[in-house]
Amino acid sequence: MDAFLSESDGDNRMPSYGRVAVAAVVGNEDGAHFVSSQLYQALNDVGFTIIANGVTYWAGEAMQSTNFVDIKEIPETVVSATRMLAANCVHLARLLKTTPYPGSR
């Protein structure tokens, strides 16, 4: 992302303006919150738009060591959160394509 920090279009917007960002994180809940906060601050700094419910994560059972790749079935809470994330992402991307952010001319 640092590669385009000095780039802008004719309306003085970085190439990432009008782009939507989401994240999927695996880890403990505190870690997932920390990772998404750091990631989203960086994405916001360069102009990406973060959707509502823009992160989905699987934290596993409390005090257990089961890895996501080892579970037999994805929990419904993860499935529904990820579906909402995808729907919100598509919705916002369509809105931004139809009505982009104004420039700063």
PDB file of N, CA and C in Angstrom:
ATOM      1  N   MET A   1       0.813  -1.189   0.000  1.00  0.00           N
ATOM      2  CA  MET A   1       0.000   0.000   0.000  1.00  0.00           C
ATOM      3  C   MET A   1       0.859   1.256   0.000  1.00  0.00           C
ATOM      4  N   ASP A   2       2.028   1.189   0.608  1.00  0.00           N
ATOM      5  CA  ASP A   2       2.904   2.351   0.622  1.00  0.00           C
ATOM      6  C   ASP A   2       3.318   2.775  -0.784  1.00  0.00           C
ATOM      7  N   ALA A   3       3.264   1.841  -1.727  1.00  0.00           N
ATOM      8  CA  ALA A   3       3.706   2.125  -3.085  1.00  0.00           C
ATOM      9  C   ALA A   3       2.881   3.226  -3.742  1.00  0.00           C
ATOM     10  N   PHE A   4       1.624   3.375  -3.366  1.00  0.00           N
ATOM     11  CA  PHE A   4       0.809   4.390  -4.028  1.00  0.00           C
ATOM     12  C   PHE A   4       0.438   5.564  -3.121  1.00  0.00           C
ATOM     13  N   LEU A   5       1.121   5.726  -2.016  1.00  0.00           N
ATOM     14  CA  LEU A   5       0.814   6.847  -1.111  1.00  0.00           C
ATOM     15  C   LEU A   5       0.919   8.205  -1.793  1.00  0.00           C
ATOM     16  N   SER A   6       1.829   8.335  -2.727  1.00  0.00           N
ATOM     17  CA  SER A   6       1.996   9.625  -3.395  1.00  0.00           C
ATOM     18  C   SER A   6       1.212   9.720  -4.703  1.00  0.00           C
ATOM     19  N   GLU A   7       0.505   8.662  -5.072  1.00  0.00           N
ATOM     20  CA  GLU A   7      -0.290   8.680  -6.307  1.00  0.00           C
ATOM     21  C   GLU A   7      -1.672   9.261  -6.035  1.00  0.00           C
ATOM     22  N   SER A   8      -2.219   9.948  -7.019  1.00  0.00           N
ATOM     23  CA  SER A   8      -3.594  10.432  -6.910  1.00  0.00           C
ATOM     24  C   SER A   8      -4.187  10.590  -8.302  1.00  0.00           C
ATOM     25  N   ASP A   9      -5.516  10.599  -8.342  1.00  0.00           N
ATOM     26  CA  ASP A   9      -6.191  10.789  -9.623  1.00  0.00           C
ATOM     27  C   ASP A   9      -6.438  12.286  -9.837  1.00  0.00           C
ATOM     28  N   GLY A  10      -7.216  12.618 -10.837  1.00  0.00           N
ATOM     29  CA  GLY A  10      -7.496  14.014 -11.147  1.00  0.00           C
ATOM     30  C   GLY A  10      -8.283  14.738 -10.068  1.00  0.00           C
ATOM     31  N   ASP A  11      -8.899  13.994  -9.163  1.00  0.00           N
ATOM     32  CA  ASP A  11      -9.657  14.592  -8.059  1.00  0.00           C
ATOM     33  C   ASP A  11      -8.884  14.525  -6.746  1.00  0.00           C
ATOM     34  N   ASN A  12      -7.576  14.268  -6.825  1.00  0.00           N
ATOM     35  CA  ASN A  12      -6.690  14.224  -5.663  1.00  0.00           C
ATOM     36  C   ASN A  12      -7.003  13.074  -4.697  1.00  0.00           C
ATOM     37  N   ARG A  13      -7.480  11.941  -5.251  1.00  0.00           N
ATOM     38  CA  ARG A  13      -7.795  10.758  -4.455  1.00  0.00           C
ATOM     39  C   ARG A  13      -6.773   9.666  -4.737  1.00  0.00           C
ATOM     40  N   MET A  14      -6.399   8.922  -3.701  1.00  0.00           N
ATOM     41  CA  MET A  14      -5.497   7.783  -3.881  1.00  0.00           C
ATOM     42  C   MET A  14      -6.197   6.684  -4.680  1.00  0.00           C
ATOM     43  N   PRO A  15      -5.427   5.805  -5.339  1.00  0.00           N
ATOM     44  CA  PRO A  15      -6.033   4.733  -6.138  1.00  0.00           C
ATOM     45  C   PRO A  15      -6.984   3.836  -5.348  1.00  0.00           C
ATOM     46  N   SER A  16      -6.857   3.789  -4.037  1.00  0.00           N
ATOM     47  CA  SER A  16      -7.703   2.929  -3.216  1.00  0.00           C
ATOM     48  C   SER A  16      -9.067   3.537  -2.895  1.00  0.00           C
ATOM     49  N   TYR A  17      -9.268   4.817  -3.184  1.00  0.00           N
ATOM     50  CA  TYR A  17     -10.572   5.430  -2.931  1.00  0.00           C
ATOM     51  C   TYR A  17     -11.634   4.729  -3.761  1.00  0.00           C
ATOM     52  N   GLY A  18     -12.763   4.486  -3.144  1.00  0.00           N
ATOM     53  CA  GLY A  18     -13.836   3.776  -3.824  1.00  0.00           C
ATOM     54  C   GLY A  18     -13.671   2.275  -3.762  1.00  0.00           C
ATOM     55  N   ARG A  19     -12.627   1.800  -3.108  1.00  0.00           N
ATOM     56  CA  ARG A  19     -12.382   0.364  -2.929  1.00  0.00           C
ATOM     57  C   ARG A  19     -12.832  -0.031  -1.533  1.00  0.00           C
ATOM     58  N   VAL A  20     -13.376  -1.218  -1.416  1.00  0.00           N
ATOM     59  CA  VAL A  20     -13.902  -1.711  -0.149  1.00  0.00           C
ATOM     60  C   VAL A  20     -12.954  -2.759   0.421  1.00  0.00           C
ATOM     61  N   ALA A  21     -12.753  -2.726   1.746  1.00  0.00           N
ATOM     62  CA  ALA A  21     -11.860  -3.681   2.400  1.00  0.00           C
ATOM     63  C   ALA A  21     -12.608  -4.488   3.459  1.00  0.00           C
ATOM     64  N   VAL A  22     -12.259  -5.757   3.561  1.00  0.00           N
ATOM     65  CA  VAL A  22     -12.772  -6.652   4.599  1.00  0.00           C
ATOM     66  C   VAL A  22     -11.618  -7.507   5.098  1.00  0.00           C
ATOM     67  N   ALA A  23     -11.833  -8.203   6.213  1.00  0.00           N
ATOM     68  CA  ALA A  23     -10.782  -9.079   6.737  1.00  0.00           C
ATOM     69  C   ALA A  23     -11.394 -10.339   7.327  1.00  0.00           C
ATOM     70  N   ALA A  24     -10.666 -11.427   7.211  1.00  0.00           N
ATOM     71  CA  ALA A  24     -11.000 -12.686   7.877  1.00  0.00           C
ATOM     72  C   ALA A  24      -9.800 -13.039   8.743  1.00  0.00           C
ATOM     73  N   VAL A  25     -10.038 -13.279  10.020  1.00  0.00           N
ATOM     74  CA  VAL A  25      -8.961 -13.496  10.986  1.00  0.00           C
ATOM     75  C   VAL A  25      -9.224 -14.789  11.751  1.00  0.00           C
ATOM     76  N   VAL A  26      -8.177 -15.545  11.983  1.00  0.00           N
ATOM     77  CA  VAL A  26      -8.269 -16.733  12.823  1.00  0.00           C
ATOM     78  C   VAL A  26      -7.356 -16.522  14.017  1.00  0.00           C
ATOM     79  N   GLY A  27      -7.878 -16.714  15.203  1.00  0.00           N
ATOM     80  CA  GLY A  27      -7.080 -16.556  16.407  1.00  0.00           C
ATOM     81  C   GLY A  27      -7.973 -16.323  17.595  1.00  0.00           C
ATOM     82  N   ASN A  28      -7.396 -15.952  18.715  1.00  0.00           N
ATOM     83  CA  ASN A  28      -8.254 -15.685  19.870  1.00  0.00           C
ATOM     84  C   ASN A  28      -8.987 -14.361  19.661  1.00  0.00           C
ATOM     85  N   GLU A  29     -10.042 -14.164  20.425  1.00  0.00           N
ATOM     86  CA  GLU A  29     -10.896 -12.996  20.196  1.00  0.00           C
ATOM     87  C   GLU A  29     -10.150 -11.680  20.369  1.00  0.00           C
ATOM     88  N   ASP A  30      -9.373 -11.565  21.444  1.00  0.00           N
ATOM     89  CA  ASP A  30      -8.605 -10.336  21.646  1.00  0.00           C
ATOM     90  C   ASP A  30      -7.625 -10.119  20.503  1.00  0.00           C
ATOM     91  N   GLY A  31      -6.992 -11.181  20.048  1.00  0.00           N
ATOM     92  CA  GLY A  31      -6.056 -11.084  18.928  1.00  0.00           C
ATOM     93  C   GLY A  31      -6.753 -10.679  17.647  1.00  0.00           C
ATOM     94  N   ALA A  32      -7.933 -11.246  17.395  1.00  0.00           N
ATOM     95  CA  ALA A  32      -8.694 -10.906  16.193  1.00  0.00           C
ATOM     96  C   ALA A  32      -9.096  -9.440  16.210  1.00  0.00           C
ATOM     97  N   HIS A  33      -9.497  -8.956  17.377  1.00  0.00           N
ATOM     98  CA  HIS A  33      -9.865  -7.542  17.485  1.00  0.00           C
ATOM     99  C   HIS A  33      -8.640  -6.646  17.265  1.00  0.00           C
ATOM    100  N   PHE A  34      -7.516  -7.039  17.827  1.00  0.00           N
ATOM    101  CA  PHE A  34      -6.297  -6.242  17.665  1.00  0.00           C
ATOM    102  C   PHE A  34      -5.850  -6.221  16.206  1.00  0.00           C
ATOM    103  N   VAL A  35      -5.816  -7.395  15.565  1.00  0.00           N
ATOM    104  CA  VAL A  35      -5.395  -7.483  14.163  1.00  0.00           C
ATOM    105  C   VAL A  35      -6.303  -6.637  13.284  1.00  0.00           C
ATOM    106  N   SER A  36      -7.615  -6.760  13.466  1.00  0.00           N
ATOM    107  CA  SER A  36      -8.523  -5.985  12.615  1.00  0.00           C
ATOM    108  C   SER A  36      -8.391  -4.484  12.881  1.00  0.00           C
ATOM    109  N   SER A  37      -8.165  -4.091  14.131  1.00  0.00           N
ATOM    110  CA  SER A  37      -8.005  -2.652  14.402  1.00  0.00           C
ATOM    111  C   SER A  37      -6.762  -2.103  13.720  1.00  0.00           C
ATOM    112  N   GLN A  38      -5.674  -2.829  13.773  1.00  0.00           N
ATOM    113  CA  GLN A  38      -4.434  -2.381  13.138  1.00  0.00           C
ATOM    114  C   GLN A  38      -4.564  -2.376  11.615  1.00  0.00           C
ATOM    115  N   LEU A  39      -5.141  -3.436  11.089  1.00  0.00           N
ATOM    116  CA  LEU A  39      -5.316  -3.556   9.641  1.00  0.00           C
ATOM    117  C   LEU A  39      -6.241  -2.461   9.118  1.00  0.00           C
ATOM    118  N   TYR A  40      -7.351  -2.237   9.803  1.00  0.00           N
ATOM    119  CA  TYR A  40      -8.304  -1.258   9.307  1.00  0.00           C
ATOM    120  C   TYR A  40      -7.799   0.167   9.436  1.00  0.00           C
ATOM    121  N   GLN A  41      -6.998   0.439  10.434  1.00  0.00           N
ATOM    122  CA  GLN A  41      -6.396   1.775  10.514  1.00  0.00           C
ATOM    123  C   GLN A  41      -5.479   1.999   9.314  1.00  0.00           C
ATOM    124  N   ALA A  42      -4.671   0.992   8.987  1.00  0.00           N
ATOM    125  CA  ALA A  42      -3.760   1.107   7.844  1.00  0.00           C
ATOM    126  C   ALA A  42      -4.542   1.246   6.539  1.00  0.00           C
ATOM    127  N   LEU A  43      -5.592   0.449   6.370  1.00  0.00           N
ATOM    128  CA  LEU A  43      -6.396   0.534   5.152  1.00  0.00           C
ATOM    129  C   LEU A  43      -7.094   1.883   5.040  1.00  0.00           C
ATOM    130  N   ASN A  44      -7.617   2.379   6.140  1.00  0.00           N
ATOM    131  CA  ASN A  44      -8.273   3.681   6.148  1.00  0.00           C
ATOM    132  C   ASN A  44      -7.287   4.798   5.811  1.00  0.00           C
ATOM    133  N   ASP A  45      -6.074   4.691   6.332  1.00  0.00           N
ATOM    134  CA  ASP A  45      -5.061   5.719   6.070  1.00  0.00           C
ATOM    135  C   ASP A  45      -4.782   5.903   4.588  1.00  0.00           C
ATOM    136  N   VAL A  46      -4.953   4.851   3.813  1.00  0.00           N
ATOM    137  CA  VAL A  46      -4.684   4.963   2.379  1.00  0.00           C
ATOM    138  C   VAL A  46      -5.960   5.014   1.538  1.00  0.00           C
ATOM    139  N   GLY A  47      -7.107   5.210   2.186  1.00  0.00           N
ATOM    140  CA  GLY A  47      -8.322   5.503   1.444  1.00  0.00           C
ATOM    141  C   GLY A  47      -9.323   4.401   1.230  1.00  0.00           C
ATOM    142  N   PHE A  48      -9.054   3.187   1.709  1.00  0.00           N
ATOM    143  CA  PHE A  48     -10.048   2.131   1.557  1.00  0.00           C
ATOM    144  C   PHE A  48     -11.254   2.432   2.437  1.00  0.00           C
ATOM    145  N   THR A  49     -12.407   1.915   2.055  1.00  0.00           N
ATOM    146  CA  THR A  49     -13.616   2.041   2.849  1.00  0.00           C
ATOM    147  C   THR A  49     -13.862   0.720   3.567  1.00  0.00           C
ATOM    148  N   ILE A  50     -14.153   0.807   4.846  1.00  0.00           N
ATOM    149  CA  ILE A  50     -14.420  -0.370   5.658  1.00  0.00           C
ATOM    150  C   ILE A  50     -15.932  -0.516   5.805  1.00  0.00           C
ATOM    151  N   ILE A  51     -16.428  -1.689   5.530  1.00  0.00           N
ATOM    152  CA  ILE A  51     -17.871  -1.919   5.605  1.00  0.00           C
ATOM    153  C   ILE A  51     -18.322  -2.134   7.050  1.00  0.00           C
ATOM    154  N   ALA A  52     -19.621  -2.051   7.257  1.00  0.00           N
ATOM    155  CA  ALA A  52     -20.204  -2.444   8.546  1.00  0.00           C
ATOM    156  C   ALA A  52     -19.989  -3.943   8.714  1.00  0.00           C
ATOM    157  N   ASN A  53     -19.650  -4.364   9.905  1.00  0.00           N
ATOM    158  CA  ASN A  53     -19.326  -5.769  10.174  1.00  0.00           C
ATOM    159  C   ASN A  53     -18.233  -6.248   9.225  1.00  0.00           C
ATOM    160  N   GLY A  54     -17.185  -5.451   9.091  1.00  0.00           N
ATOM    161  CA  GLY A  54     -16.135  -5.684   8.109  1.00  0.00           C
ATOM    162  C   GLY A  54     -15.064  -6.685   8.490  1.00  0.00           C
ATOM    163  N   VAL A  55     -15.255  -7.422   9.573  1.00  0.00           N
ATOM    164  CA  VAL A  55     -14.297  -8.464   9.928  1.00  0.00           C
ATOM    165  C   VAL A  55     -15.075  -9.698  10.377  1.00  0.00           C
ATOM    166  N   THR A  56     -14.588 -10.835   9.979  1.00  0.00           N
ATOM    167  CA  THR A  56     -15.147 -12.090  10.460  1.00  0.00           C
ATOM    168  C   THR A  56     -13.987 -12.888  11.028  1.00  0.00           C
ATOM    169  N   TYR A  57     -14.242 -13.565  12.123  1.00  0.00           N
ATOM    170  CA  TYR A  57     -13.152 -14.333  12.731  1.00  0.00           C
ATOM    171  C   TYR A  57     -13.687 -15.561  13.438  1.00  0.00           C
ATOM    172  N   TRP A  58     -12.807 -16.519  13.592  1.00  0.00           N
ATOM    173  CA  TRP A  58     -13.099 -17.723  14.350  1.00  0.00           C
ATOM    174  C   TRP A  58     -12.117 -17.789  15.488  1.00  0.00           C
ATOM    175  N   ALA A  59     -12.637 -17.820  16.692  1.00  0.00           N
ATOM    176  CA  ALA A  59     -11.776 -17.831  17.862  1.00  0.00           C
ATOM    177  C   ALA A  59     -11.706 -19.197  18.526  1.00  0.00           C
ATOM    178  N   GLY A  60     -12.574 -20.105  18.128  1.00  0.00           N
ATOM    179  CA  GLY A  60     -12.560 -21.433  18.742  1.00  0.00           C
ATOM    180  C   GLY A  60     -13.172 -21.430  20.132  1.00  0.00           C
ATOM    181  N   GLU A  61     -13.169 -22.575  20.723  1.00  0.00           N
ATOM    182  CA  GLU A  61     -13.685 -22.725  22.072  1.00  0.00           C
ATOM    183  C   GLU A  61     -12.712 -22.098  23.063  1.00  0.00           C
ATOM    184  N   ALA A  62     -13.239 -21.464  24.087  1.00  0.00           N
ATOM    185  CA  ALA A  62     -12.386 -20.843  25.101  1.00  0.00           C
ATOM    186  C   ALA A  62     -11.491 -21.876  25.779  1.00  0.00           C
ATOM    187  N   MET A  63     -10.245 -21.500  25.961  1.00  0.00           N
ATOM    188  CA  MET A  63      -9.259 -22.311  26.676  1.00  0.00           C
ATOM    189  C   MET A  63      -8.953 -23.643  25.977  1.00  0.00           C
ATOM    190  N   GLN A  64      -9.175 -23.721  24.672  1.00  0.00           N
ATOM    191  CA  GLN A  64      -8.886 -24.941  23.902  1.00  0.00           C
ATOM    192  C   GLN A  64      -7.806 -24.628  22.877  1.00  0.00           C
ATOM    193  N   SER A  65      -7.301 -25.660  22.229  1.00  0.00           N
ATOM    194  CA  SER A  65      -6.231 -25.455  21.250  1.00  0.00           C
ATOM    195  C   SER A  65      -6.593 -25.972  19.862  1.00  0.00           C
ATOM    196  N   THR A  66      -7.883 -26.074  19.579  1.00  0.00           N
ATOM    197  CA  THR A  66      -8.320 -26.558  18.275  1.00  0.00           C
ATOM    198  C   THR A  66      -8.061 -25.506  17.213  1.00  0.00           C
ATOM    199  N   ASN A  67      -7.442 -25.907  16.119  1.00  0.00           N
ATOM    200  CA  ASN A  67      -7.194 -25.013  14.997  1.00  0.00           C
ATOM    201  C   ASN A  67      -8.365 -25.061  14.025  1.00  0.00           C
ATOM    202  N   PHE A  68      -8.596 -23.972  13.327  1.00  0.00           N
ATOM    203  CA  PHE A  68      -9.698 -23.878  12.379  1.00  0.00           C
ATOM    204  C   PHE A  68      -9.632 -24.997  11.337  1.00  0.00           C
ATOM    205  N   VAL A  69      -8.454 -25.307  10.843  1.00  0.00           N
ATOM    206  CA  VAL A  69      -8.317 -26.345   9.814  1.00  0.00           C
ATOM    207  C   VAL A  69      -8.666 -27.726  10.338  1.00  0.00           C
ATOM    208  N   ASP A  70      -8.724 -27.894  11.661  1.00  0.00           N
ATOM    209  CA  ASP A  70      -9.003 -29.199  12.254  1.00  0.00           C
ATOM    210  C   ASP A  70     -10.468 -29.430  12.609  1.00  0.00           C
ATOM    211  N   ILE A  71     -11.302 -28.399  12.498  1.00  0.00           N
ATOM    212  CA  ILE A  71     -12.708 -28.606  12.851  1.00  0.00           C
ATOM    213  C   ILE A  71     -13.425 -29.302  11.707  1.00  0.00           C
ATOM    214  N   LYS A  72     -14.428 -30.100  12.051  1.00  0.00           N
ATOM    215  CA  LYS A  72     -15.141 -30.883  11.043  1.00  0.00           C
ATOM    216  C   LYS A  72     -16.189 -30.058  10.303  1.00  0.00           C
ATOM    217  N   GLU A  73     -16.766 -29.082  10.986  1.00  0.00           N
ATOM    218  CA  GLU A  73     -17.809 -28.263  10.376  1.00  0.00           C
ATOM    219  C   GLU A  73     -17.640 -26.816  10.848  1.00  0.00           C
ATOM    220  N   ILE A  74     -17.803 -25.888   9.921  1.00  0.00           N
ATOM    221  CA  ILE A  74     -17.677 -24.468  10.270  1.00  0.00           C
ATOM    222  C   ILE A  74     -18.893 -24.071  11.109  1.00  0.00           C
ATOM    223  N   PRO A  75     -18.667 -23.462  12.272  1.00  0.00           N
ATOM    224  CA  PRO A  75     -19.791 -23.056  13.135  1.00  0.00           C
ATOM    225  C   PRO A  75     -20.736 -22.087  12.423  1.00  0.00           C
ATOM    226  N   GLU A  76     -22.021 -22.215  12.695  1.00  0.00           N
ATOM    227  CA  GLU A  76     -23.034 -21.375  12.059  1.00  0.00           C
ATOM    228  C   GLU A  76     -22.794 -19.888  12.322  1.00  0.00           C
ATOM    229  N   THR A  77     -22.273 -19.541  13.485  1.00  0.00           N
ATOM    230  CA  THR A  77     -22.001 -18.126  13.763  1.00  0.00           C
ATOM    231  C   THR A  77     -20.961 -17.568  12.807  1.00  0.00           C
ATOM    232  N   VAL A  78     -19.977 -18.371  12.444  1.00  0.00           N
ATOM    233  CA  VAL A  78     -18.956 -17.936  11.490  1.00  0.00           C
ATOM    234  C   VAL A  78     -19.561 -17.838  10.091  1.00  0.00           C
ATOM    235  N   VAL A  79     -20.371 -18.819   9.724  1.00  0.00           N
ATOM    236  CA  VAL A  79     -21.020 -18.814   8.409  1.00  0.00           C
ATOM    237  C   VAL A  79     -21.911 -17.587   8.260  1.00  0.00           C
ATOM    238  N   SER A  80     -22.749 -17.314   9.252  1.00  0.00           N
ATOM    239  CA  SER A  80     -23.676 -16.178   9.134  1.00  0.00           C
ATOM    240  C   SER A  80     -22.933 -14.847   9.165  1.00  0.00           C
ATOM    241  N   ALA A  81     -21.896 -14.725   9.983  1.00  0.00           N
ATOM    242  CA  ALA A  81     -21.120 -13.481  10.019  1.00  0.00           C
ATOM    243  C   ALA A  81     -20.409 -13.252   8.686  1.00  0.00           C
ATOM    244  N   THR A  82     -19.902 -14.317   8.095  1.00  0.00           N
ATOM    245  CA  THR A  82     -19.196 -14.198   6.815  1.00  0.00           C
ATOM    246  C   THR A  82     -20.164 -13.880   5.686  1.00  0.00           C
ATOM    247  N   ARG A  83     -21.352 -14.434   5.732  1.00  0.00           N
ATOM    248  CA  ARG A  83     -22.381 -14.093   4.730  1.00  0.00           C
ATOM    249  C   ARG A  83     -22.750 -12.616   4.819  1.00  0.00           C
ATOM    250  N   MET A  84     -22.920 -12.129   6.051  1.00  0.00           N
ATOM    251  CA  MET A  84     -23.254 -10.715   6.228  1.00  0.00           C
ATOM    252  C   MET A  84     -22.108  -9.840   5.727  1.00  0.00           C
ATOM    253  N   LEU A  85     -20.879 -10.219   6.031  1.00  0.00           N
ATOM    254  CA  LEU A  85     -19.710  -9.479   5.564  1.00  0.00           C
ATOM    255  C   LEU A  85     -19.713  -9.400   4.038  1.00  0.00           C
ATOM    256  N   ALA A  86     -19.933 -10.522   3.382  1.00  0.00           N
ATOM    257  CA  ALA A  86     -19.932 -10.549   1.912  1.00  0.00           C
ATOM    258  C   ALA A  86     -21.066  -9.694   1.340  1.00  0.00           C
ATOM    259  N   ALA A  87     -22.257  -9.807   1.917  1.00  0.00           N
ATOM    260  CA  ALA A  87     -23.396  -9.017   1.432  1.00  0.00           C
ATOM    261  C   ALA A  87     -23.152  -7.520   1.624  1.00  0.00           C
ATOM    262  N   ASN A  88     -22.622  -7.138   2.783  1.00  0.00           N
ATOM    263  CA  ASN A  88     -22.325  -5.727   3.033  1.00  0.00           C
ATOM    264  C   ASN A  88     -21.239  -5.206   2.103  1.00  0.00           C
ATOM    265  N   CYS A  89     -20.261  -6.049   1.811  1.00  0.00           N
ATOM    266  CA  CYS A  89     -19.172  -5.665   0.910  1.00  0.00           C
ATOM    267  C   CYS A  89     -19.703  -5.389  -0.496  1.00  0.00           C
ATOM    268  N   VAL A  90     -20.507  -6.288  -1.010  1.00  0.00           N
ATOM    269  CA  VAL A  90     -21.085  -6.112  -2.348  1.00  0.00           C
ATOM    270  C   VAL A  90     -21.978  -4.878  -2.381  1.00  0.00           C
ATOM    271  N   HIS A  91     -22.795  -4.709  -1.359  1.00  0.00           N
ATOM    272  CA  HIS A  91     -23.698  -3.555  -1.292  1.00  0.00           C
ATOM    273  C   HIS A  91     -22.921  -2.239  -1.335  1.00  0.00           C
ATOM    274  N   LEU A  92     -21.907  -2.121  -0.479  1.00  0.00           N
ATOM    275  CA  LEU A  92     -21.146  -0.870  -0.431  1.00  0.00           C
ATOM    276  C   LEU A  92     -20.343  -0.654  -1.706  1.00  0.00           C
ATOM    277  N   ALA A  93     -19.781  -1.710  -2.264  1.00  0.00           N
ATOM    278  CA  ALA A  93     -19.030  -1.569  -3.518  1.00  0.00           C
ATOM    279  C   ALA A  93     -19.938  -1.052  -4.638  1.00  0.00           C
ATOM    280  N   ARG A  94     -21.159  -1.550  -4.695  1.00  0.00           N
ATOM    281  CA  ARG A  94     -22.111  -1.070  -5.709  1.00  0.00           C
ATOM    282  C   ARG A  94     -22.456   0.402  -5.484  1.00  0.00           C
ATOM    283  N   LEU A  95     -22.675   0.766  -4.225  1.00  0.00           N
ATOM    284  CA  LEU A  95     -22.974   2.171  -3.923  1.00  0.00           C
ATOM    285  C   LEU A  95     -21.822   3.085  -4.326  1.00  0.00           C
ATOM    286  N   LEU A  96     -20.607   2.689  -3.987  1.00  0.00           N
ATOM    287  CA  LEU A  96     -19.449   3.526  -4.313  1.00  0.00           C
ATOM    288  C   LEU A  96     -19.191   3.590  -5.816  1.00  0.00           C
ATOM    289  N   LYS A  97     -19.541   2.527  -6.525  1.00  0.00           N
ATOM    290  CA  LYS A  97     -19.366   2.550  -7.980  1.00  0.00           C
ATOM    291  C   LYS A  97     -20.375   3.512  -8.608  1.00  0.00           C
ATOM    292  N   THR A  98     -21.577   3.512  -8.072  1.00  0.00           N
ATOM    293  CA  THR A  98     -22.633   4.391  -8.588  1.00  0.00           C
ATOM    294  C   THR A  98     -22.419   5.840  -8.176  1.00  0.00           C
ATOM    295  N   THR A  99     -22.027   6.042  -6.921  1.00  0.00           N
ATOM    296  CA  THR A  99     -21.840   7.387  -6.377  1.00  0.00           C
ATOM    297  C   THR A  99     -20.486   7.433  -5.669  1.00  0.00           C
ATOM    298  N   PRO A 100     -19.426   7.708  -6.430  1.00  0.00           N
ATOM    299  CA  PRO A 100     -18.088   7.737  -5.826  1.00  0.00           C
ATOM    300  C   PRO A 100     -17.919   8.896  -4.846  1.00  0.00           C
ATOM    301  N   TYR A 101     -16.902   8.779  -4.009  1.00  0.00           N
ATOM    302  CA  TYR A 101     -16.556   9.881  -3.110  1.00  0.00           C
ATOM    303  C   TYR A 101     -16.190  11.110  -3.933  1.00  0.00           C
ATOM    304  N   PRO A 102     -16.511  12.300  -3.421  1.00  0.00           N
ATOM    305  CA  PRO A 102     -16.096  13.501  -4.151  1.00  0.00           C
ATOM    306  C   PRO A 102     -14.586  13.697  -4.010  1.00  0.00           C
ATOM    307  N   GLY A 103     -14.016  14.365  -4.956  1.00  0.00           N
ATOM    308  CA  GLY A 103     -12.601  14.716  -4.876  1.00  0.00           C
ATOM    309  C   GLY A 103     -12.416  15.967  -4.019  1.00  0.00           C
ATOM    310  N   SER A 104     -11.191  16.430  -3.988  1.00  0.00           N
ATOM    311  CA  SER A 104     -10.932  17.637  -3.185  1.00  0.00           C
ATOM    312  C   SER A 104     -10.364  18.753  -4.052  1.00  0.00           C
ATOM    313  N   ARG A 105     -10.967  18.936  -5.209  1.00  0.00           N
ATOM    314  CA  ARG A 105     -10.517  19.987  -6.117  1.00  0.00           C
ATOM    315  C   ARG A 105     -10.711  21.345  -5.516  1.00  0.00           C
TER     316      ARG A 105
END
